[in-house]
Amino acid sequence: MGLRIGASVTRGGGWASGGANPANGTIVLQKPFVVRYFPEIANCYNGTINLQLDFPLQVRLPDIVTPPLRWHPNSDERFGITEIEFELKDKRYRAWIYTAEHSPHRFNNMVAEILTEWIDGIALDLKCAIHIRRCRQLLVI
C-alpha cells in the first residue's frame, strides 16, 4: 500500500546546489562520501528539489542511514535516504527523500528535500506530488 502526498516546489537555501558557485554545493561535496552507501546518488542532479508538502511527513526509518561522514572539515554528518517517486506534470521520476542530519529542514514535517535526475521545468510554486510505497499512517490525538 502506498501513499501520495501533494506538494509544491518551494525555495531552499541554495546550499545543496551551491547557488552561484555550484562547485561548492553540498551535494557535490557529499557525493564522494555518500556514494558508497547510496550508489544511485552518482546519477542525481547536484542539488535538491525542496517541496512544501500538503500534509506532514515524518521519515523515522529511512531505507538507508549512513554512518557519520566527514564530508567537510567541520562536519561529521549522517544522511537518511528514502526511495520515493516524484510526480510532476503526469510523469513520475525515481527519487529519494534526502535527510541530512544538520539540515535546517530536518525537523520540519512540512518540507521534504528530494534528490532525482535533472528535470526540465522545475519552478517555484509548481504543483507536484511524492509517492511513498513503504509507509504507515499514524494518528496522534
N, C-alpha and C. Protein backbone atom coordinates (compact mmCIF):
# COMPACT_ATOMS: atom_id res chain seq x y z
N MET A 1 0.84 -1.17 0.00
CA MET A 1 0.00 0.00 0.00
C MET A 1 0.89 1.24 0.00
N GLY A 2 0.57 2.20 -0.82
CA GLY A 2 1.37 3.41 -0.92
C GLY A 2 0.60 4.64 -0.47
N LEU A 3 1.30 5.72 -0.46
CA LEU A 3 0.74 6.99 -0.02
C LEU A 3 1.18 8.06 -1.01
N ARG A 4 0.24 8.91 -1.41
CA ARG A 4 0.54 10.05 -2.28
C ARG A 4 0.36 11.32 -1.45
N ILE A 5 1.36 12.18 -1.47
CA ILE A 5 1.28 13.46 -0.78
C ILE A 5 1.49 14.56 -1.82
N GLY A 6 0.49 15.42 -1.96
CA GLY A 6 0.63 16.57 -2.84
C GLY A 6 1.64 17.54 -2.27
N ALA A 7 2.22 18.34 -3.16
CA ALA A 7 3.25 19.29 -2.73
C ALA A 7 3.37 20.39 -3.76
N SER A 8 4.19 21.36 -3.43
CA SER A 8 4.58 22.37 -4.40
C SER A 8 6.06 22.68 -4.18
N VAL A 9 6.72 23.04 -5.27
CA VAL A 9 8.15 23.35 -5.20
C VAL A 9 8.32 24.66 -4.43
N THR A 10 9.22 24.64 -3.47
CA THR A 10 9.46 25.82 -2.65
C THR A 10 10.94 26.20 -2.69
N ARG A 11 11.22 27.38 -2.25
CA ARG A 11 12.60 27.88 -2.25
C ARG A 11 13.40 27.21 -1.14
N GLY A 12 14.61 26.81 -1.47
CA GLY A 12 15.54 26.30 -0.48
C GLY A 12 16.57 27.36 -0.17
N GLY A 13 17.56 27.00 0.57
CA GLY A 13 18.60 27.94 0.94
C GLY A 13 19.69 28.10 -0.12
N GLY A 14 19.69 27.21 -1.14
CA GLY A 14 20.71 27.27 -2.17
C GLY A 14 21.99 26.53 -1.82
N TRP A 15 22.05 25.95 -0.62
CA TRP A 15 23.26 25.25 -0.18
C TRP A 15 23.51 23.98 -0.99
N ALA A 16 22.46 23.21 -1.24
CA ALA A 16 22.64 21.92 -1.92
C ALA A 16 23.23 22.09 -3.32
N SER A 17 22.74 23.08 -4.06
CA SER A 17 23.22 23.29 -5.44
C SER A 17 24.41 24.22 -5.50
N GLY A 18 24.69 24.95 -4.42
CA GLY A 18 25.80 25.88 -4.41
C GLY A 18 25.45 27.26 -4.94
N GLY A 19 24.19 27.45 -5.37
CA GLY A 19 23.77 28.76 -5.87
C GLY A 19 24.67 29.26 -6.99
N ALA A 20 25.30 30.40 -6.78
CA ALA A 20 26.16 31.00 -7.80
C ALA A 20 27.48 30.25 -7.98
N ASN A 21 27.81 29.37 -7.04
CA ASN A 21 29.08 28.63 -7.13
C ASN A 21 28.81 27.13 -6.97
N PRO A 22 28.34 26.47 -8.06
CA PRO A 22 27.96 25.05 -7.97
C PRO A 22 29.05 24.11 -7.46
N ALA A 23 30.31 24.46 -7.65
CA ALA A 23 31.40 23.60 -7.17
C ALA A 23 31.43 23.50 -5.65
N ASN A 24 30.80 24.45 -4.97
CA ASN A 24 30.74 24.43 -3.51
C ASN A 24 29.40 23.96 -2.97
N GLY A 25 28.54 23.45 -3.82
CA GLY A 25 27.25 22.93 -3.37
C GLY A 25 27.45 21.72 -2.48
N THR A 26 26.60 21.58 -1.48
CA THR A 26 26.77 20.47 -0.54
C THR A 26 26.61 19.10 -1.21
N ILE A 27 25.75 18.99 -2.21
CA ILE A 27 25.59 17.68 -2.87
C ILE A 27 26.88 17.28 -3.59
N VAL A 28 27.50 18.22 -4.30
CA VAL A 28 28.78 17.93 -4.97
C VAL A 28 29.82 17.47 -3.95
N LEU A 29 29.86 18.15 -2.81
CA LEU A 29 30.85 17.82 -1.79
C LEU A 29 30.53 16.51 -1.06
N GLN A 30 29.25 16.20 -0.91
CA GLN A 30 28.84 14.99 -0.18
C GLN A 30 28.87 13.73 -1.04
N LYS A 31 28.65 13.86 -2.34
CA LYS A 31 28.55 12.68 -3.22
C LYS A 31 29.69 11.68 -3.04
N PRO A 32 30.96 12.11 -3.05
CA PRO A 32 32.04 11.11 -2.94
C PRO A 32 31.98 10.28 -1.66
N PHE A 33 31.36 10.79 -0.62
CA PHE A 33 31.27 10.09 0.66
C PHE A 33 29.99 9.24 0.74
N VAL A 34 28.91 9.77 0.19
CA VAL A 34 27.61 9.10 0.29
C VAL A 34 27.49 7.96 -0.72
N VAL A 35 28.17 8.05 -1.86
CA VAL A 35 28.01 7.08 -2.95
C VAL A 35 28.31 5.64 -2.50
N ARG A 36 29.16 5.47 -1.53
CA ARG A 36 29.48 4.11 -1.02
C ARG A 36 28.24 3.43 -0.44
N TYR A 37 27.35 4.20 0.14
CA TYR A 37 26.15 3.67 0.81
C TYR A 37 24.91 3.81 -0.07
N PHE A 38 24.97 4.73 -1.00
CA PHE A 38 23.83 5.06 -1.86
C PHE A 38 24.36 5.32 -3.28
N PRO A 39 24.68 4.25 -4.04
CA PRO A 39 25.30 4.42 -5.35
C PRO A 39 24.48 5.26 -6.34
N GLU A 40 23.17 5.26 -6.19
CA GLU A 40 22.30 5.99 -7.12
C GLU A 40 22.54 7.49 -7.09
N ILE A 41 23.15 8.00 -6.03
CA ILE A 41 23.41 9.45 -5.95
C ILE A 41 24.31 9.91 -7.09
N ALA A 42 25.11 9.02 -7.65
CA ALA A 42 26.01 9.38 -8.75
C ALA A 42 25.24 9.91 -9.95
N ASN A 43 24.01 9.47 -10.14
CA ASN A 43 23.20 9.88 -11.29
C ASN A 43 22.21 11.00 -10.96
N CYS A 44 22.25 11.50 -9.74
CA CYS A 44 21.33 12.56 -9.34
C CYS A 44 21.92 13.93 -9.66
N TYR A 45 21.03 14.88 -9.90
CA TYR A 45 21.42 16.27 -10.10
C TYR A 45 22.14 16.77 -8.85
N ASN A 46 23.09 17.66 -9.03
CA ASN A 46 23.86 18.21 -7.91
C ASN A 46 23.10 19.32 -7.18
N GLY A 47 21.98 18.97 -6.65
CA GLY A 47 21.14 19.88 -5.89
C GLY A 47 19.91 19.11 -5.46
N THR A 48 19.10 19.71 -4.62
CA THR A 48 17.85 19.06 -4.21
C THR A 48 16.68 19.89 -4.69
N ILE A 49 15.52 19.25 -4.77
CA ILE A 49 14.27 19.95 -5.00
C ILE A 49 13.59 20.03 -3.64
N ASN A 50 13.28 21.23 -3.22
CA ASN A 50 12.63 21.43 -1.93
C ASN A 50 11.12 21.47 -2.15
N LEU A 51 10.40 20.67 -1.38
CA LEU A 51 8.96 20.58 -1.54
C LEU A 51 8.23 21.01 -0.28
N GLN A 52 7.24 21.85 -0.45
CA GLN A 52 6.31 22.19 0.63
C GLN A 52 5.18 21.18 0.52
N LEU A 53 5.06 20.32 1.51
CA LEU A 53 4.09 19.22 1.47
C LEU A 53 2.70 19.70 1.88
N ASP A 54 1.68 19.07 1.32
CA ASP A 54 0.30 19.38 1.70
C ASP A 54 -0.07 18.79 3.05
N PHE A 55 0.64 17.74 3.47
CA PHE A 55 0.40 17.07 4.74
C PHE A 55 1.75 16.78 5.39
N PRO A 56 1.80 16.76 6.71
CA PRO A 56 3.08 16.49 7.38
C PRO A 56 3.57 15.06 7.12
N LEU A 57 4.88 14.94 7.06
CA LEU A 57 5.52 13.65 6.85
C LEU A 57 6.72 13.54 7.79
N GLN A 58 6.80 12.43 8.50
CA GLN A 58 7.98 12.11 9.31
C GLN A 58 8.58 10.82 8.79
N VAL A 59 9.82 10.87 8.38
CA VAL A 59 10.53 9.67 7.97
C VAL A 59 11.35 9.23 9.17
N ARG A 60 10.85 8.22 9.86
CA ARG A 60 11.54 7.75 11.06
C ARG A 60 12.50 6.61 10.79
N LEU A 61 12.23 5.85 9.74
CA LEU A 61 13.10 4.72 9.38
C LEU A 61 13.45 4.81 7.90
N PRO A 62 14.46 5.62 7.55
CA PRO A 62 14.85 5.71 6.15
C PRO A 62 15.32 4.36 5.62
N ASP A 63 15.29 4.21 4.31
CA ASP A 63 15.78 2.98 3.69
C ASP A 63 17.28 2.80 3.96
N ILE A 64 18.01 3.90 3.94
CA ILE A 64 19.46 3.88 4.16
C ILE A 64 19.78 4.97 5.18
N VAL A 65 20.64 4.65 6.12
CA VAL A 65 21.21 5.67 7.01
C VAL A 65 22.72 5.46 6.99
N THR A 66 23.44 6.49 6.58
CA THR A 66 24.89 6.37 6.54
C THR A 66 25.45 6.50 7.95
N PRO A 67 26.66 6.02 8.14
CA PRO A 67 27.35 6.36 9.39
C PRO A 67 27.76 7.84 9.31
N PRO A 68 28.25 8.40 10.40
CA PRO A 68 28.72 9.79 10.31
C PRO A 68 29.84 9.90 9.26
N LEU A 69 29.67 10.82 8.34
CA LEU A 69 30.64 11.01 7.25
C LEU A 69 31.28 12.39 7.39
N ARG A 70 32.60 12.43 7.28
CA ARG A 70 33.33 13.72 7.35
C ARG A 70 33.46 14.24 5.92
N TRP A 71 32.39 14.83 5.43
CA TRP A 71 32.37 15.36 4.06
C TRP A 71 32.90 16.79 4.00
N HIS A 72 33.06 17.40 5.13
CA HIS A 72 33.57 18.77 5.25
C HIS A 72 34.46 18.81 6.49
N PRO A 73 35.53 19.60 6.49
CA PRO A 73 36.44 19.60 7.66
C PRO A 73 35.75 19.90 8.99
N ASN A 74 34.65 20.60 8.96
CA ASN A 74 33.96 20.96 10.20
C ASN A 74 32.66 20.19 10.39
N SER A 75 32.45 19.08 9.66
CA SER A 75 31.15 18.43 9.74
C SER A 75 31.23 16.92 9.60
N ASP A 76 30.86 16.20 10.65
CA ASP A 76 30.54 14.78 10.57
C ASP A 76 29.03 14.72 10.54
N GLU A 77 28.48 14.05 9.55
CA GLU A 77 27.02 14.09 9.38
C GLU A 77 26.51 12.77 8.84
N ARG A 78 25.35 12.35 9.34
CA ARG A 78 24.65 11.17 8.81
C ARG A 78 23.63 11.64 7.79
N PHE A 79 23.29 10.72 6.86
CA PHE A 79 22.30 11.03 5.85
C PHE A 79 21.28 9.89 5.79
N GLY A 80 20.02 10.26 5.78
CA GLY A 80 18.94 9.30 5.60
C GLY A 80 18.43 9.41 4.18
N ILE A 81 18.21 8.26 3.55
CA ILE A 81 17.77 8.23 2.16
C ILE A 81 16.56 7.31 2.08
N THR A 82 15.46 7.82 1.55
CA THR A 82 14.23 7.06 1.44
C THR A 82 13.72 7.12 0.00
N GLU A 83 13.60 5.98 -0.65
CA GLU A 83 13.16 5.96 -2.04
C GLU A 83 11.69 6.32 -2.16
N ILE A 84 11.39 7.16 -3.15
CA ILE A 84 10.03 7.59 -3.46
C ILE A 84 9.89 7.69 -4.97
N GLU A 85 8.73 8.08 -5.42
CA GLU A 85 8.54 8.53 -6.80
C GLU A 85 8.12 9.99 -6.73
N PHE A 86 8.66 10.80 -7.62
CA PHE A 86 8.33 12.21 -7.70
C PHE A 86 7.43 12.40 -8.92
N GLU A 87 6.26 12.94 -8.71
CA GLU A 87 5.28 13.14 -9.78
C GLU A 87 5.26 14.61 -10.17
N LEU A 88 5.45 14.85 -11.45
CA LEU A 88 5.41 16.21 -11.97
C LEU A 88 4.81 16.18 -13.37
N LYS A 89 3.74 16.93 -13.57
CA LYS A 89 3.09 17.03 -14.89
C LYS A 89 2.77 15.65 -15.46
N ASP A 90 2.12 14.82 -14.66
CA ASP A 90 1.67 13.49 -15.08
C ASP A 90 2.80 12.51 -15.42
N LYS A 91 4.01 12.83 -15.02
CA LYS A 91 5.13 11.92 -15.22
C LYS A 91 5.74 11.62 -13.86
N ARG A 92 6.23 10.39 -13.69
CA ARG A 92 6.87 10.01 -12.43
C ARG A 92 8.36 9.75 -12.65
N TYR A 93 9.13 10.17 -11.63
CA TYR A 93 10.58 10.02 -11.66
C TYR A 93 11.02 9.27 -10.41
N ARG A 94 12.01 8.43 -10.56
CA ARG A 94 12.62 7.78 -9.40
C ARG A 94 13.33 8.88 -8.60
N ALA A 95 13.10 8.92 -7.31
CA ALA A 95 13.66 9.99 -6.48
C ALA A 95 13.85 9.47 -5.06
N TRP A 96 14.49 10.29 -4.23
CA TRP A 96 14.77 9.93 -2.85
C TRP A 96 14.60 11.14 -1.95
N ILE A 97 13.98 10.94 -0.80
CA ILE A 97 13.99 11.97 0.22
C ILE A 97 15.38 11.92 0.84
N TYR A 98 16.03 13.06 0.89
CA TYR A 98 17.41 13.17 1.36
C TYR A 98 17.38 13.95 2.67
N THR A 99 17.63 13.25 3.75
CA THR A 99 17.56 13.87 5.07
C THR A 99 18.98 13.99 5.63
N ALA A 100 19.50 15.20 5.57
CA ALA A 100 20.82 15.46 6.13
C ALA A 100 20.66 15.80 7.61
N GLU A 101 21.47 15.19 8.43
CA GLU A 101 21.36 15.35 9.88
C GLU A 101 21.44 16.81 10.32
N HIS A 102 22.22 17.63 9.64
CA HIS A 102 22.39 19.03 10.04
C HIS A 102 21.56 20.00 9.21
N SER A 103 20.66 19.49 8.39
CA SER A 103 19.84 20.36 7.54
C SER A 103 18.85 21.15 8.39
N PRO A 104 18.63 22.42 8.05
CA PRO A 104 17.61 23.19 8.77
C PRO A 104 16.20 22.66 8.53
N HIS A 105 16.02 21.81 7.51
CA HIS A 105 14.70 21.24 7.21
C HIS A 105 14.43 19.93 7.96
N ARG A 106 15.42 19.41 8.64
CA ARG A 106 15.33 18.06 9.21
C ARG A 106 14.10 17.85 10.10
N PHE A 107 13.74 18.82 10.91
CA PHE A 107 12.61 18.64 11.82
C PHE A 107 11.35 19.37 11.36
N ASN A 108 11.34 19.78 10.11
CA ASN A 108 10.15 20.42 9.55
C ASN A 108 9.36 19.36 8.79
N ASN A 109 8.27 18.91 9.38
CA ASN A 109 7.47 17.83 8.79
C ASN A 109 6.72 18.24 7.52
N MET A 110 6.76 19.53 7.20
CA MET A 110 6.04 20.03 6.02
C MET A 110 6.97 20.28 4.83
N VAL A 111 8.25 20.00 4.99
CA VAL A 111 9.22 20.20 3.90
C VAL A 111 9.98 18.90 3.66
N ALA A 112 10.15 18.55 2.40
CA ALA A 112 10.98 17.41 2.03
C ALA A 112 12.00 17.88 1.00
N GLU A 113 13.24 17.46 1.17
CA GLU A 113 14.29 17.70 0.18
C GLU A 113 14.45 16.41 -0.59
N ILE A 114 14.37 16.49 -1.90
CA ILE A 114 14.50 15.26 -2.68
C ILE A 114 15.65 15.36 -3.67
N LEU A 115 16.21 14.21 -3.95
CA LEU A 115 17.23 14.02 -4.97
C LEU A 115 16.60 13.26 -6.13
N THR A 116 16.93 13.65 -7.32
CA THR A 116 16.50 12.94 -8.52
C THR A 116 17.38 13.40 -9.68
N GLU A 117 17.11 12.89 -10.86
CA GLU A 117 17.81 13.33 -12.05
C GLU A 117 17.46 14.79 -12.36
N TRP A 118 18.17 15.40 -13.30
CA TRP A 118 17.81 16.73 -13.76
C TRP A 118 16.44 16.66 -14.42
N ILE A 119 15.55 17.57 -14.05
CA ILE A 119 14.21 17.62 -14.63
C ILE A 119 13.99 19.04 -15.16
N ASP A 120 13.72 19.15 -16.45
CA ASP A 120 13.42 20.46 -17.03
C ASP A 120 12.09 20.97 -16.50
N GLY A 121 12.00 22.26 -16.32
CA GLY A 121 10.73 22.88 -15.97
C GLY A 121 10.46 23.03 -14.49
N ILE A 122 11.40 22.69 -13.62
CA ILE A 122 11.19 22.89 -12.18
C ILE A 122 11.11 24.39 -11.92
N ALA A 123 10.08 24.82 -11.21
CA ALA A 123 9.90 26.24 -10.91
C ALA A 123 9.19 26.38 -9.58
N LEU A 124 9.43 27.49 -8.92
CA LEU A 124 8.77 27.75 -7.63
C LEU A 124 7.26 27.67 -7.78
N ASP A 125 6.63 27.13 -6.76
CA ASP A 125 5.17 27.00 -6.65
C ASP A 125 4.55 25.98 -7.61
N LEU A 126 5.36 25.28 -8.37
CA LEU A 126 4.84 24.26 -9.28
C LEU A 126 4.23 23.13 -8.47
N LYS A 127 3.01 22.72 -8.80
CA LYS A 127 2.34 21.62 -8.11
C LYS A 127 2.95 20.29 -8.53
N CYS A 128 3.09 19.40 -7.57
CA CYS A 128 3.70 18.10 -7.81
C CYS A 128 3.22 17.16 -6.69
N ALA A 129 3.82 15.99 -6.60
CA ALA A 129 3.48 15.05 -5.53
C ALA A 129 4.62 14.08 -5.33
N ILE A 130 4.62 13.45 -4.17
CA ILE A 130 5.53 12.34 -3.93
C ILE A 130 4.70 11.10 -3.64
N HIS A 131 5.22 9.96 -4.03
CA HIS A 131 4.57 8.67 -3.80
C HIS A 131 5.51 7.84 -2.95
N ILE A 132 5.01 7.40 -1.81
CA ILE A 132 5.81 6.60 -0.89
C ILE A 132 5.21 5.21 -0.84
N ARG A 133 5.99 4.21 -1.19
CA ARG A 133 5.48 2.83 -1.20
C ARG A 133 5.53 2.21 0.20
N ARG A 134 6.56 2.50 0.94
CA ARG A 134 6.77 1.88 2.25
C ARG A 134 6.35 2.90 3.31
N CYS A 135 5.12 2.77 3.81
CA CYS A 135 4.66 3.77 4.77
C CYS A 135 3.64 3.16 5.74
N ARG A 136 3.47 3.85 6.83
CA ARG A 136 2.46 3.54 7.83
C ARG A 136 1.79 4.84 8.23
N GLN A 137 0.50 4.80 8.34
CA GLN A 137 -0.20 6.01 8.80
C GLN A 137 -0.25 5.98 10.32
N LEU A 138 -0.12 7.16 10.90
CA LEU A 138 -0.12 7.30 12.34
C LEU A 138 -1.02 8.45 12.70
N LEU A 139 -1.91 8.23 13.59
CA LEU A 139 -2.82 9.27 14.05
C LEU A 139 -2.48 9.57 15.50
N VAL A 140 -2.17 10.84 15.78
CA VAL A 140 -1.86 11.27 17.13
C VAL A 140 -2.92 12.27 17.53
N ILE A 141 -3.54 12.00 18.67
CA ILE A 141 -4.62 12.89 19.16
C ILE A 141 -4.18 13.52 20.46
